[in-house]
Amino acid sequence: MPTIIGKIACQFRGATINLTPVLRTDGKWSAFVHIAFPDRTTHDFGDFKAGNTKMEALQNAVTGAEGYIAHRMG
């Protein structure tokens, strides 16, 4: 069973990105993302490209979330 370790939040273009890093059973890190937009809508997605370190997985998740926000908000 994956282990959830900590939670991180950041802002991008007015949207709040909540990241939850997860240590997978294969020893790699991944992250799940919850985005809260200024118009009070939300979007959840996750299991981005796994990383060998927690920071690598979080960076992959932030990059994906920022791309999604930029596309959605124009």
Protein backbone atom coordinates (compact mmCIF):
# COMPACT_ATOMS: atom_id res chain seq x y z
CA MET A 1 0.00 0.00 0.00
CA PRO A 2 1.41 3.47 -0.88
CA THR A 3 2.39 5.75 1.96
CA ILE A 4 1.31 9.42 2.00
CA ILE A 5 3.99 11.66 3.47
CA GLY A 6 3.24 15.36 4.03
CA LYS A 7 1.38 17.89 1.94
CA ILE A 8 2.58 20.99 0.10
CA ALA A 9 0.65 23.97 -1.29
CA CYS A 10 1.72 26.67 -3.73
CA GLN A 11 0.12 29.38 -5.88
CA PHE A 12 0.22 29.79 -9.66
CA ARG A 13 -1.75 32.43 -11.57
CA GLY A 14 -4.25 32.78 -8.72
CA ALA A 15 -4.89 29.05 -8.39
CA THR A 16 -3.84 27.06 -5.34
CA ILE A 17 -2.00 23.82 -6.05
CA ASN A 18 -2.06 21.25 -3.25
CA LEU A 19 0.46 18.46 -3.67
CA THR A 20 0.43 15.17 -1.80
CA PRO A 21 3.60 13.14 -2.29
CA VAL A 22 3.17 9.37 -2.21
CA LEU A 23 5.84 6.72 -1.75
CA ARG A 24 4.78 3.88 -4.01
CA THR A 25 5.20 0.20 -3.20
CA ASP A 26 7.94 -0.04 -5.86
CA GLY A 27 10.05 2.50 -3.92
CA LYS A 28 9.47 5.37 -6.35
CA TRP A 29 7.76 8.66 -5.51
CA SER A 30 4.66 10.08 -7.16
CA ALA A 31 2.28 12.92 -6.29
CA PHE A 32 -1.42 13.65 -6.41
CA VAL A 33 -2.65 17.16 -7.14
CA HIS A 34 -5.71 19.16 -6.12
CA ILE A 35 -6.13 22.54 -7.82
CA ALA A 36 -8.50 25.19 -6.45
CA PHE A 37 -9.21 27.91 -9.01
CA PRO A 38 -10.16 31.52 -8.18
CA ASP A 39 -13.71 30.86 -9.47
CA ARG A 40 -14.05 28.21 -6.71
CA THR A 41 -13.96 25.25 -9.09
CA THR A 42 -11.51 22.44 -8.44
CA HIS A 43 -9.69 19.76 -10.37
CA ASP A 44 -7.98 16.62 -9.05
CA PHE A 45 -5.49 14.44 -10.84
CA GLY A 46 -2.39 12.49 -10.04
CA ASP A 47 0.12 9.75 -10.41
CA PHE A 48 2.41 11.79 -12.60
CA LYS A 49 5.68 10.53 -13.95
CA ALA A 50 7.25 8.80 -10.98
CA GLY A 51 10.51 10.09 -9.58
CA ASN A 52 13.39 8.42 -7.79
CA THR A 53 13.22 11.16 -5.14
CA LYS A 54 10.38 13.00 -3.46
CA MET A 55 11.54 16.33 -4.95
CA GLU A 56 11.68 14.90 -8.47
CA ALA A 57 8.11 13.60 -8.17
CA LEU A 58 6.87 16.92 -6.76
CA GLN A 59 8.56 18.84 -9.57
CA ASN A 60 6.91 16.57 -12.15
CA ALA A 61 3.53 17.21 -10.50
CA VAL A 62 4.03 21.00 -10.30
CA THR A 63 5.08 21.15 -13.95
CA GLY A 64 1.97 19.20 -14.98
CA ALA A 65 -0.34 21.30 -12.79
CA GLU A 66 1.10 24.59 -14.05
CA GLY A 67 0.63 23.44 -17.64
CA TYR A 68 -2.98 22.52 -16.93
CA ILE A 69 -3.66 25.87 -15.22
CA ALA A 70 -2.03 27.85 -18.02
CA HIS A 71 -4.09 25.99 -20.63
CA ARG A 72 -7.35 26.40 -18.71
CA MET A 73 -6.87 30.07 -17.80
CA GLY A 74 -5.43 31.06 -21.16
